[in-house]
Amino acid sequence: MANLEQTLSGWTGPSSNSEQEKQDRTERMIREAIAEHSALSGVRLRVFAKGSYANNTNVRTDSDVDIAVQCTEAEYWEEAQPGLRPSNTGGVYGGKWTPSLLRSELTAALIAKFGTAAVDTSNSTAIFVKSSSARVDADVVPCFSFRRYMPGGDDRLGTMIFKQSGERIINYPDQQLKEGRAKNTSTGNAYKKSVRILKRLENVLVAESRYKELASYFVECLAYNCPEPAFAHSTWTETVKAMLIAIWNNTQGDEPADESLRWLEVNRCFFLFHPKQKWTRADAQGFAQAAWTYLRF
């Protein structure tokens, strides 16, 4: 590849200004749709961006926005071990906002704003709002407040998503945002730029049929787990080389028996690799190898 350093440097940037404007407009219009829907008036909702858009690690080909609509009137919970939930905690929620009702009213709000043709409800998790010339694709995710009671009283606050299939998903978007910012600060702002490089690199590998498509969040997690010295190089070429070496070396074989050595998601609440994940250690190995070959290291 001619002038690799120049290419990698060009890959560090966020979405273009015009793309950013479309993303911001999309988020604003979704907020307006919710505010204008009378059935949601007075309901305690927290509407916020999450994922790559919120974390400022998205790139042009992954420029859709993820918007969570969290109903805070009901809080679901679990205990890390029995007996951690205080006995004087409130009882079972008795209000009307069930997962199906929240999804139904959000769908109605989005259809009223964007039209029936632009709103797709076939996905089990998110309500999809199609892009137009003025906005990007959006995934709107209805969810509820969630609390995991931890030893020492340091509870984890997150969201619980009820898929239409019946499955429940626990997410920790605030922790992802916090930990990503901390990593970016500790690496002198190199982390988020490096994430964008790896995401664009993955896009190229897929476009040229050199490797399969990987979840954008998985690529972000791989970058997050690279040790800080990998981000301390004076060139992006050496930085990416160090990251790919770290990914390759740390995903060999089975998961470490020592949990302190296992890689984590960016939110630091879940292990990156476990049987229920959509990705595997072999996926990380394959990506590192394909990227290494493509960059001719």
C-alpha atoms as a PDB file:
ATOM      1  CA  MET A   1       0.000   0.000   0.000  1.00  0.00           C
ATOM      2  CA  ALA A   2       1.490   3.301  -1.131  1.00  0.00           C
ATOM      3  CA  ASN A   3       2.086   5.797   1.660  1.00  0.00           C
ATOM      4  CA  LEU A   4       0.516   3.712   4.410  1.00  0.00           C
ATOM      5  CA  GLU A   5       1.063   6.342   7.095  1.00  0.00           C
ATOM      6  CA  GLN A   6      -0.900   8.914   5.111  1.00  0.00           C
ATOM      7  CA  THR A   7      -3.769   6.465   4.628  1.00  0.00           C
ATOM      8  CA  LEU A   8      -3.923   5.541   8.302  1.00  0.00           C
ATOM      9  CA  SER A   9      -3.736   9.184   9.328  1.00  0.00           C
ATOM     10  CA  GLY A  10      -6.706   9.906   7.064  1.00  0.00           C
ATOM     11  CA  TRP A  11      -8.633   7.117   8.756  1.00  0.00           C
ATOM     12  CA  THR A  12      -8.358   8.696  12.211  1.00  0.00           C
ATOM     13  CA  GLY A  13     -10.974  11.364  11.595  1.00  0.00           C
ATOM     14  CA  PRO A  14     -14.643  11.246  12.667  1.00  0.00           C
ATOM     15  CA  SER A  15     -17.593  11.566  10.312  1.00  0.00           C
ATOM     16  CA  SER A  16     -17.535  14.543   7.964  1.00  0.00           C
ATOM     17  CA  ASN A  17     -19.255  17.748   9.019  1.00  0.00           C
ATOM     18  CA  SER A  18     -22.172  17.064   6.668  1.00  0.00           C
ATOM     19  CA  GLU A  19     -22.568  13.528   8.006  1.00  0.00           C
ATOM     20  CA  GLN A  20     -22.396  14.817  11.577  1.00  0.00           C
ATOM     21  CA  GLU A  21     -25.140  17.322  10.781  1.00  0.00           C
ATOM     22  CA  LYS A  22     -27.337  14.498   9.474  1.00  0.00           C
ATOM     23  CA  GLN A  23     -26.670  12.434  12.596  1.00  0.00           C
ATOM     24  CA  ASP A  24     -27.495  15.333  14.891  1.00  0.00           C
ATOM     25  CA  ARG A  25     -30.635  16.123  12.887  1.00  0.00           C
ATOM     26  CA  THR A  26     -31.741  12.498  13.138  1.00  0.00           C
ATOM     27  CA  GLU A  27     -31.354  12.496  16.911  1.00  0.00           C
ATOM     28  CA  ARG A  28     -33.188  15.819  17.206  1.00  0.00           C
ATOM     29  CA  MET A  29     -36.119  14.628  15.081  1.00  0.00           C
ATOM     30  CA  ILE A  30     -36.478  11.442  17.127  1.00  0.00           C
ATOM     31  CA  ARG A  31     -36.596  13.520  20.299  1.00  0.00           C
ATOM     32  CA  GLU A  32     -39.245  15.723  18.674  1.00  0.00           C
ATOM     33  CA  ALA A  33     -41.290  12.670  17.689  1.00  0.00           C
ATOM     34  CA  ILE A  34     -41.376  11.487  21.298  1.00  0.00           C
ATOM     35  CA  ALA A  35     -42.164  14.947  22.679  1.00  0.00           C
ATOM     36  CA  GLU A  36     -45.021  15.409  20.190  1.00  0.00           C
ATOM     37  CA  HIS A  37     -46.711  12.075  20.962  1.00  0.00           C
ATOM     38  CA  SER A  38     -49.479  12.709  23.498  1.00  0.00           C
ATOM     39  CA  ALA A  39     -49.504   9.147  24.863  1.00  0.00           C
ATOM     40  CA  LEU A  40     -45.939   9.660  26.080  1.00  0.00           C
ATOM     41  CA  SER A  41     -46.626  13.040  27.655  1.00  0.00           C
ATOM     42  CA  GLY A  42     -45.743  13.057  31.333  1.00  0.00           C
ATOM     43  CA  VAL A  43     -44.025   9.677  31.175  1.00  0.00           C
ATOM     44  CA  ARG A  44     -40.590   9.676  32.783  1.00  0.00           C
ATOM     45  CA  LEU A  45     -38.378   8.928  29.804  1.00  0.00           C
ATOM     46  CA  ARG A  46     -34.654   9.325  29.357  1.00  0.00           C
ATOM     47  CA  VAL A  47     -33.768   9.700  25.678  1.00  0.00           C
ATOM     48  CA  PHE A  48     -30.075   9.450  24.855  1.00  0.00           C
ATOM     49  CA  ALA A  49     -27.634   8.499  22.132  1.00  0.00           C
ATOM     50  CA  LYS A  50     -25.505   5.421  22.667  1.00  0.00           C
ATOM     51  CA  GLY A  51     -22.955   3.335  20.804  1.00  0.00           C
ATOM     52  CA  SER A  52     -20.443   4.625  18.266  1.00  0.00           C
ATOM     53  CA  TYR A  53     -22.352   7.847  17.574  1.00  0.00           C
ATOM     54  CA  ALA A  54     -22.418   8.821  21.248  1.00  0.00           C
ATOM     55  CA  ASN A  55     -18.827   7.714  21.777  1.00  0.00           C
ATOM     56  CA  ASN A  56     -17.610   9.585  18.673  1.00  0.00           C
ATOM     57  CA  THR A  57     -15.972   6.465  17.228  1.00  0.00           C
ATOM     58  CA  ASN A  58     -18.257   6.039  14.225  1.00  0.00           C
ATOM     59  CA  VAL A  59     -17.010   6.271  10.652  1.00  0.00           C
ATOM     60  CA  ARG A  60     -18.688   7.145   7.355  1.00  0.00           C
ATOM     61  CA  THR A  61     -19.905   3.647   6.467  1.00  0.00           C
ATOM     62  CA  ASP A  62     -21.185   3.059  10.009  1.00  0.00           C
ATOM     63  CA  SER A  63     -22.846   6.428  10.452  1.00  0.00           C
ATOM     64  CA  ASP A  64     -26.254   5.335  11.714  1.00  0.00           C
ATOM     65  CA  VAL A  65     -27.324   6.525  15.150  1.00  0.00           C
ATOM     66  CA  ASP A  66     -28.501   4.457  18.100  1.00  0.00           C
ATOM     67  CA  ILE A  67     -31.041   6.147  20.354  1.00  0.00           C
ATOM     68  CA  ALA A  68     -32.193   4.575  23.608  1.00  0.00           C
ATOM     69  CA  VAL A  69     -35.567   5.513  25.049  1.00  0.00           C
ATOM     70  CA  GLN A  70     -35.408   4.470  28.691  1.00  0.00           C
ATOM     71  CA  CYS A  71     -38.570   4.349  30.776  1.00  0.00           C
ATOM     72  CA  THR A  72     -37.442   5.211  34.291  1.00  0.00           C
ATOM     73  CA  GLU A  73     -40.844   4.636  35.883  1.00  0.00           C
ATOM     74  CA  ALA A  74     -40.044   0.942  36.312  1.00  0.00           C
ATOM     75  CA  GLU A  75     -36.731  -0.488  37.490  1.00  0.00           C
ATOM     76  CA  TYR A  76     -35.776  -4.093  36.891  1.00  0.00           C
ATOM     77  CA  TRP A  77     -33.041  -5.619  38.992  1.00  0.00           C
ATOM     78  CA  GLU A  78     -30.875  -8.593  39.834  1.00  0.00           C
ATOM     79  CA  GLU A  79     -28.414  -9.413  42.599  1.00  0.00           C
ATOM     80  CA  ALA A  80     -24.782 -10.409  42.160  1.00  0.00           C
ATOM     81  CA  GLN A  81     -25.464 -12.709  45.089  1.00  0.00           C
ATOM     82  CA  PRO A  82     -28.586 -13.359  47.186  1.00  0.00           C
ATOM     83  CA  GLY A  83     -29.443 -10.846  49.891  1.00  0.00           C
ATOM     84  CA  LEU A  84     -27.790  -7.733  48.426  1.00  0.00           C
ATOM     85  CA  ARG A  85     -31.037  -5.923  47.656  1.00  0.00           C
ATOM     86  CA  PRO A  86     -32.114  -3.893  50.706  1.00  0.00           C
ATOM     87  CA  SER A  87     -35.275  -5.195  52.313  1.00  0.00           C
ATOM     88  CA  ASN A  88     -36.803  -1.709  52.418  1.00  0.00           C
ATOM     89  CA  THR A  89     -36.577  -1.276  48.636  1.00  0.00           C
ATOM     90  CA  GLY A  90     -39.854  -0.525  46.886  1.00  0.00           C
ATOM     91  CA  GLY A  91     -42.163  -3.290  45.758  1.00  0.00           C
ATOM     92  CA  VAL A  92     -43.124  -4.513  42.307  1.00  0.00           C
ATOM     93  CA  TYR A  93     -43.971  -1.845  39.718  1.00  0.00           C
ATOM     94  CA  GLY A  94     -47.722  -1.645  39.260  1.00  0.00           C
ATOM     95  CA  GLY A  95     -47.959   0.943  36.500  1.00  0.00           C
ATOM     96  CA  LYS A  96     -49.165   0.479  32.951  1.00  0.00           C
ATOM     97  CA  TRP A  97     -45.832   0.729  31.136  1.00  0.00           C
ATOM     98  CA  THR A  98     -45.092  -2.776  29.995  1.00  0.00           C
ATOM     99  CA  PRO A  99     -42.376  -3.518  27.411  1.00  0.00           C
ATOM    100  CA  SER A 100     -44.990  -4.132  24.712  1.00  0.00           C
ATOM    101  CA  LEU A 101     -46.850  -0.877  25.440  1.00  0.00           C
ATOM    102  CA  LEU A 102     -43.658   1.189  25.427  1.00  0.00           C
ATOM    103  CA  ARG A 103     -42.613  -0.325  22.091  1.00  0.00           C
ATOM    104  CA  SER A 104     -46.081   0.217  20.640  1.00  0.00           C
ATOM    105  CA  GLU A 105     -46.286   3.886  21.618  1.00  0.00           C
ATOM    106  CA  LEU A 106     -42.741   4.608  20.451  1.00  0.00           C
ATOM    107  CA  THR A 107     -43.580   3.027  17.117  1.00  0.00           C
ATOM    108  CA  ALA A 108     -46.688   5.189  16.838  1.00  0.00           C
ATOM    109  CA  ALA A 109     -44.673   8.310  17.678  1.00  0.00           C
ATOM    110  CA  LEU A 110     -42.063   7.544  15.037  1.00  0.00           C
ATOM    111  CA  ILE A 111     -44.657   6.753  12.365  1.00  0.00           C
ATOM    112  CA  ALA A 112     -46.431  10.034  13.088  1.00  0.00           C
ATOM    113  CA  LYS A 113     -43.141  11.885  12.582  1.00  0.00           C
ATOM    114  CA  PHE A 114     -41.486   9.995   9.737  1.00  0.00           C
ATOM    115  CA  GLY A 115     -44.324   8.120   8.015  1.00  0.00           C
ATOM    116  CA  THR A 116     -45.187   4.427   7.877  1.00  0.00           C
ATOM    117  CA  ALA A 117     -42.808   3.681   5.007  1.00  0.00           C
ATOM    118  CA  ALA A 118     -39.822   4.982   6.971  1.00  0.00           C
ATOM    119  CA  VAL A 119     -40.405   2.922  10.125  1.00  0.00           C
ATOM    120  CA  ASP A 120     -39.542  -0.779  10.234  1.00  0.00           C
ATOM    121  CA  THR A 121     -40.623  -2.820  13.268  1.00  0.00           C
ATOM    122  CA  SER A 122     -39.439  -6.237  12.065  1.00  0.00           C
ATOM    123  CA  ASN A 123     -36.280  -6.184  14.181  1.00  0.00           C
ATOM    124  CA  SER A 124     -36.675  -7.905  17.531  1.00  0.00           C
ATOM    125  CA  THR A 125     -34.648  -5.296  19.422  1.00  0.00           C
ATOM    126  CA  ALA A 126     -34.788  -1.872  17.782  1.00  0.00           C
ATOM    127  CA  ILE A 127     -37.343   0.152  15.862  1.00  0.00           C
ATOM    128  CA  PHE A 128     -35.585   1.098  12.638  1.00  0.00           C
ATOM    129  CA  VAL A 129     -36.031   4.540  11.088  1.00  0.00           C
ATOM    130  CA  LYS A 130     -34.842   4.658   7.495  1.00  0.00           C
ATOM    131  CA  SER A 131     -32.552   7.386   6.248  1.00  0.00           C
ATOM    132  CA  SER A 132     -33.433  10.176   3.846  1.00  0.00           C
ATOM    133  CA  SER A 133     -31.454  12.875   2.107  1.00  0.00           C
ATOM    134  CA  ALA A 134     -31.576  14.877   5.349  1.00  0.00           C
ATOM    135  CA  ARG A 135     -30.877  12.191   7.946  1.00  0.00           C
ATOM    136  CA  VAL A 136     -29.127   8.870   8.543  1.00  0.00           C
ATOM    137  CA  ASP A 137     -30.499   5.475   9.532  1.00  0.00           C
ATOM    138  CA  ALA A 138     -31.470   5.178  13.179  1.00  0.00           C
ATOM    139  CA  ASP A 139     -32.108   2.350  15.605  1.00  0.00           C
ATOM    140  CA  VAL A 140     -34.498   3.407  18.365  1.00  0.00           C
ATOM    141  CA  VAL A 141     -34.315   1.015  21.307  1.00  0.00           C
ATOM    142  CA  PRO A 142     -37.077   0.966  23.945  1.00  0.00           C
ATOM    143  CA  CYS A 143     -35.730  -0.073  27.332  1.00  0.00           C
ATOM    144  CA  PHE A 144     -36.224   0.218  31.078  1.00  0.00           C
ATOM    145  CA  SER A 145     -34.048   1.148  34.033  1.00  0.00           C
ATOM    146  CA  PHE A 146     -31.984  -1.698  35.441  1.00  0.00           C
ATOM    147  CA  ARG A 147     -29.955  -2.091  38.620  1.00  0.00           C
ATOM    148  CA  ARG A 148     -27.527  -4.863  39.520  1.00  0.00           C
ATOM    149  CA  TYR A 149     -26.972  -4.972  43.269  1.00  0.00           C
ATOM    150  CA  MET A 150     -23.275  -5.462  43.984  1.00  0.00           C
ATOM    151  CA  PRO A 151     -21.297  -6.249  47.155  1.00  0.00           C
ATOM    152  CA  GLY A 152     -20.362  -3.115  49.075  1.00  0.00           C
ATOM    153  CA  GLY A 153     -23.342  -1.162  47.791  1.00  0.00           C
ATOM    154  CA  ASP A 154     -21.638  -0.109  44.543  1.00  0.00           C
ATOM    155  CA  ASP A 155     -24.640  -0.910  42.365  1.00  0.00           C
ATOM    156  CA  ARG A 156     -24.431  -0.977  38.580  1.00  0.00           C
ATOM    157  CA  LEU A 157     -27.054   1.106  36.817  1.00  0.00           C
ATOM    158  CA  GLY A 158     -27.947   0.169  33.274  1.00  0.00           C
ATOM    159  CA  THR A 159     -30.832  -0.619  30.964  1.00  0.00           C
ATOM    160  CA  MET A 160     -32.883  -3.721  30.275  1.00  0.00           C
ATOM    161  CA  ILE A 161     -34.137  -4.343  26.756  1.00  0.00           C
ATOM    162  CA  PHE A 162     -37.064  -6.674  26.117  1.00  0.00           C
ATOM    163  CA  LYS A 163     -36.733  -8.171  22.643  1.00  0.00           C
ATOM    164  CA  GLN A 164     -39.896  -9.140  20.809  1.00  0.00           C
ATOM    165  CA  SER A 165     -38.561 -12.700  20.812  1.00  0.00           C
ATOM    166  CA  GLY A 166     -38.851 -12.727  24.609  1.00  0.00           C
ATOM    167  CA  GLU A 167     -35.130 -12.454  25.300  1.00  0.00           C
ATOM    168  CA  ARG A 168     -33.873  -9.836  27.730  1.00  0.00           C
ATOM    169  CA  ILE A 169     -30.661  -7.866  27.191  1.00  0.00           C
ATOM    170  CA  ILE A 170     -28.809  -5.908  29.864  1.00  0.00           C
ATOM    171  CA  ASN A 171     -26.692  -2.978  28.690  1.00  0.00           C
ATOM    172  CA  TYR A 172     -24.480  -0.464  30.456  1.00  0.00           C
ATOM    173  CA  PRO A 173     -24.271   2.483  28.008  1.00  0.00           C
ATOM    174  CA  ASP A 174     -23.186   5.066  30.589  1.00  0.00           C
ATOM    175  CA  GLN A 175     -20.263   2.905  31.645  1.00  0.00           C
ATOM    176  CA  GLN A 176     -19.240   2.419  28.018  1.00  0.00           C
ATOM    177  CA  LEU A 177     -19.177   6.178  27.504  1.00  0.00           C
ATOM    178  CA  LYS A 178     -17.242   6.780  30.732  1.00  0.00           C
ATOM    179  CA  GLU A 179     -14.625   4.082  30.159  1.00  0.00           C
ATOM    180  CA  GLY A 180     -14.093   5.054  26.530  1.00  0.00           C
ATOM    181  CA  ARG A 181     -13.467   8.657  27.506  1.00  0.00           C
ATOM    182  CA  ALA A 182     -11.063   7.572  30.244  1.00  0.00           C
ATOM    183  CA  LYS A 183      -9.098   5.411  27.797  1.00  0.00           C
ATOM    184  CA  ASN A 184      -8.977   8.255  25.309  1.00  0.00           C
ATOM    185  CA  THR A 185      -7.628  10.634  27.963  1.00  0.00           C
ATOM    186  CA  SER A 186      -5.029   8.188  29.259  1.00  0.00           C
ATOM    187  CA  THR A 187      -3.725   7.579  25.726  1.00  0.00           C
ATOM    188  CA  GLY A 188      -3.429  11.243  24.814  1.00  0.00           C
ATOM    189  CA  ASN A 189      -6.525  11.094  22.585  1.00  0.00           C
ATOM    190  CA  ALA A 190      -5.037   8.263  20.522  1.00  0.00           C
ATOM    191  CA  TYR A 191      -7.613   5.642  21.506  1.00  0.00           C
ATOM    192  CA  LYS A 192     -10.654   6.955  19.626  1.00  0.00           C
ATOM    193  CA  LYS A 193      -8.565   7.742  16.563  1.00  0.00           C
ATOM    194  CA  SER A 194      -7.208   4.201  16.653  1.00  0.00           C
ATOM    195  CA  VAL A 195     -10.720   2.784  16.950  1.00  0.00           C
ATOM    196  CA  ARG A 196     -11.702   4.640  13.787  1.00  0.00           C
ATOM    197  CA  ILE A 197      -8.648   3.248  12.001  1.00  0.00           C
ATOM    198  CA  LEU A 198      -9.560  -0.322  12.923  1.00  0.00           C
ATOM    199  CA  LYS A 199     -13.193   0.207  11.921  1.00  0.00           C
ATOM    200  CA  ARG A 200     -12.240   1.613   8.544  1.00  0.00           C
ATOM    201  CA  LEU A 201      -9.706  -1.170   8.127  1.00  0.00           C
ATOM    202  CA  GLU A 202     -12.418  -3.742   8.862  1.00  0.00           C
ATOM    203  CA  ASN A 203     -14.682  -2.063   6.304  1.00  0.00           C
ATOM    204  CA  VAL A 204     -11.971  -2.329   3.646  1.00  0.00           C
ATOM    205  CA  LEU A 205     -11.328  -5.984   4.436  1.00  0.00           C
ATOM    206  CA  VAL A 206     -15.039  -6.732   4.032  1.00  0.00           C
ATOM    207  CA  ALA A 207     -15.395  -4.652   0.855  1.00  0.00           C
ATOM    208  CA  GLU A 208     -12.469  -6.495  -0.743  1.00  0.00           C
ATOM    209  CA  SER A 209     -13.659  -9.913   0.501  1.00  0.00           C
ATOM    210  CA  ARG A 210     -10.545 -10.371   2.607  1.00  0.00           C
ATOM    211  CA  TYR A 211     -12.437 -11.048   5.837  1.00  0.00           C
ATOM    212  CA  LYS A 212     -15.986 -11.346   7.118  1.00  0.00           C
ATOM    213  CA  GLU A 213     -17.968  -8.470   8.599  1.00  0.00           C
ATOM    214  CA  LEU A 214     -17.562  -7.929  12.336  1.00  0.00           C
ATOM    215  CA  ALA A 215     -19.750  -5.991  14.733  1.00  0.00           C
ATOM    216  CA  SER A 216     -18.559  -2.401  15.056  1.00  0.00           C
ATOM    217  CA  TYR A 217     -18.723  -2.674  18.846  1.00  0.00           C
ATOM    218  CA  PHE A 218     -16.530  -5.784  18.798  1.00  0.00           C
ATOM    219  CA  VAL A 219     -13.842  -3.912  16.861  1.00  0.00           C
ATOM    220  CA  GLU A 220     -14.083  -1.085  19.390  1.00  0.00           C
ATOM    221  CA  CYS A 221     -13.650  -3.570  22.236  1.00  0.00           C
ATOM    222  CA  LEU A 222     -10.563  -5.078  20.606  1.00  0.00           C
ATOM    223  CA  ALA A 223      -8.991  -1.622  20.461  1.00  0.00           C
ATOM    224  CA  TYR A 224     -10.022  -0.883  24.046  1.00  0.00           C
ATOM    225  CA  ASN A 225      -8.201  -3.936  25.386  1.00  0.00           C
ATOM    226  CA  CYS A 226      -4.904  -3.090  23.709  1.00  0.00           C
ATOM    227  CA  PRO A 227      -2.353  -2.004  26.337  1.00  0.00           C
ATOM    228  CA  GLU A 228      -1.598   1.686  26.611  1.00  0.00           C
ATOM    229  CA  PRO A 229       1.996   1.411  25.299  1.00  0.00           C
ATOM    230  CA  ALA A 230       0.484   0.384  21.955  1.00  0.00           C
ATOM    231  CA  PHE A 231      -0.947   3.903  21.623  1.00  0.00           C
ATOM    232  CA  ALA A 232       2.289   5.688  22.522  1.00  0.00           C
ATOM    233  CA  HIS A 233       4.058   5.378  19.165  1.00  0.00           C
ATOM    234  CA  SER A 234       4.936   8.408  17.079  1.00  0.00           C
ATOM    235  CA  THR A 235       3.323   7.060  13.878  1.00  0.00           C
ATOM    236  CA  TRP A 236      -0.039   5.460  13.162  1.00  0.00           C
ATOM    237  CA  THR A 237       1.737   2.690  11.296  1.00  0.00           C
ATOM    238  CA  GLU A 238       3.560   1.595  14.442  1.00  0.00           C
ATOM    239  CA  THR A 239       0.447   2.115  16.557  1.00  0.00           C
ATOM    240  CA  VAL A 240      -1.694  -0.138  14.379  1.00  0.00           C
ATOM    241  CA  LYS A 241       1.076  -2.716  14.174  1.00  0.00           C
ATOM    242  CA  ALA A 242       1.319  -2.791  17.975  1.00  0.00           C
ATOM    243  CA  MET A 243      -2.454  -3.101  18.298  1.00  0.00           C
ATOM    244  CA  LEU A 244      -2.679  -6.011  15.873  1.00  0.00           C
ATOM    245  CA  ILE A 245       0.146  -7.782  17.688  1.00  0.00           C
ATOM    246  CA  ALA A 246      -1.663  -7.267  21.001  1.00  0.00           C
ATOM    247  CA  ILE A 247      -4.929  -8.583  19.572  1.00  0.00           C
ATOM    248  CA  TRP A 248      -3.191 -11.631  18.080  1.00  0.00           C
ATOM    249  CA  ASN A 249      -1.147 -12.462  21.157  1.00  0.00           C
ATOM    250  CA  ASN A 250      -3.998 -12.043  23.627  1.00  0.00           C
ATOM    251  CA  THR A 251      -6.583 -14.122  21.774  1.00  0.00           C
ATOM    252  CA  GLN A 252      -4.514 -17.277  21.320  1.00  0.00           C
ATOM    253  CA  GLY A 253      -6.095 -20.471  22.612  1.00  0.00           C
ATOM    254  CA  ASP A 254      -8.792 -20.633  25.271  1.00  0.00           C
ATOM    255  CA  GLU A 255      -9.893 -17.964  27.723  1.00  0.00           C
ATOM    256  CA  PRO A 256      -7.447 -17.531  30.635  1.00  0.00           C
ATOM    257  CA  ALA A 257      -8.399 -19.316  33.846  1.00  0.00           C
ATOM    258  CA  ASP A 258      -7.349 -16.181  35.725  1.00  0.00           C
ATOM    259  CA  GLU A 259     -10.293 -13.790  35.322  1.00  0.00           C
ATOM    260  CA  SER A 260      -8.022 -10.775  35.798  1.00  0.00           C
ATOM    261  CA  LEU A 261      -6.376 -11.649  32.468  1.00  0.00           C
ATOM    262  CA  ARG A 262      -9.601 -11.907  30.490  1.00  0.00           C
ATOM    263  CA  TRP A 263     -10.506  -9.108  28.093  1.00  0.00           C
ATOM    264  CA  LEU A 264     -13.562  -6.981  28.844  1.00  0.00           C
ATOM    265  CA  GLU A 265     -16.147  -5.064  26.885  1.00  0.00           C
ATOM    266  CA  VAL A 266     -15.599  -1.306  26.915  1.00  0.00           C
ATOM    267  CA  ASN A 267     -18.165  -0.964  29.698  1.00  0.00           C
ATOM    268  CA  ARG A 268     -15.992  -3.200  31.906  1.00  0.00           C
ATOM    269  CA  CYS A 269     -19.137  -5.001  33.085  1.00  0.00           C
ATOM    270  CA  PHE A 270     -18.945  -8.074  30.834  1.00  0.00           C
ATOM    271  CA  PHE A 271     -16.183 -10.356  29.628  1.00  0.00           C
ATOM    272  CA  LEU A 272     -15.534  -9.829  25.919  1.00  0.00           C
ATOM    273  CA  PHE A 273     -15.495 -13.540  25.162  1.00  0.00           C
ATOM    274  CA  HIS A 274     -18.014 -16.033  26.505  1.00  0.00           C
ATOM    275  CA  PRO A 275     -20.331 -18.633  24.948  1.00  0.00           C
ATOM    276  CA  LYS A 276     -23.290 -16.261  24.525  1.00  0.00           C
ATOM    277  CA  GLN A 277     -21.362 -13.617  22.581  1.00  0.00           C
ATOM    278  CA  LYS A 278     -21.893 -13.099  18.862  1.00  0.00           C
ATOM    279  CA  TRP A 279     -18.120 -13.200  18.322  1.00  0.00           C
ATOM    280  CA  THR A 280     -15.246 -15.469  19.293  1.00  0.00           C
ATOM    281  CA  ARG A 281     -11.530 -15.377  19.977  1.00  0.00           C
ATOM    282  CA  ALA A 282     -11.079 -16.929  16.537  1.00  0.00           C
ATOM    283  CA  ASP A 283     -12.827 -13.907  14.998  1.00  0.00           C
ATOM    284  CA  ALA A 284     -10.288 -11.622  16.656  1.00  0.00           C
ATOM    285  CA  GLN A 285      -7.441 -13.823  15.435  1.00  0.00           C
ATOM    286  CA  GLY A 286      -8.778 -13.826  11.896  1.00  0.00           C
ATOM    287  CA  PHE A 287      -9.229 -10.076  11.862  1.00  0.00           C
ATOM    288  CA  ALA A 288      -5.705  -9.432  13.145  1.00  0.00           C
ATOM    289  CA  GLN A 289      -4.218 -11.799  10.579  1.00  0.00           C
ATOM    290  CA  ALA A 290      -6.236 -10.408   7.655  1.00  0.00           C
ATOM    291  CA  ALA A 291      -5.398  -6.825   8.657  1.00  0.00           C
ATOM    292  CA  TRP A 292      -1.707  -7.641   9.064  1.00  0.00           C
ATOM    293  CA  THR A 293      -1.602  -9.211   5.601  1.00  0.00           C
ATOM    294  CA  TYR A 294      -3.539  -6.372   3.988  1.00  0.00           C
ATOM    295  CA  LEU A 295      -1.237  -3.727   5.472  1.00  0.00           C
ATOM    296  CA  ARG A 296       1.813  -5.786   4.426  1.00  0.00           C
ATOM    297  CA  PHE A 297       3.455  -5.689   7.833  1.00  0.00           C
END
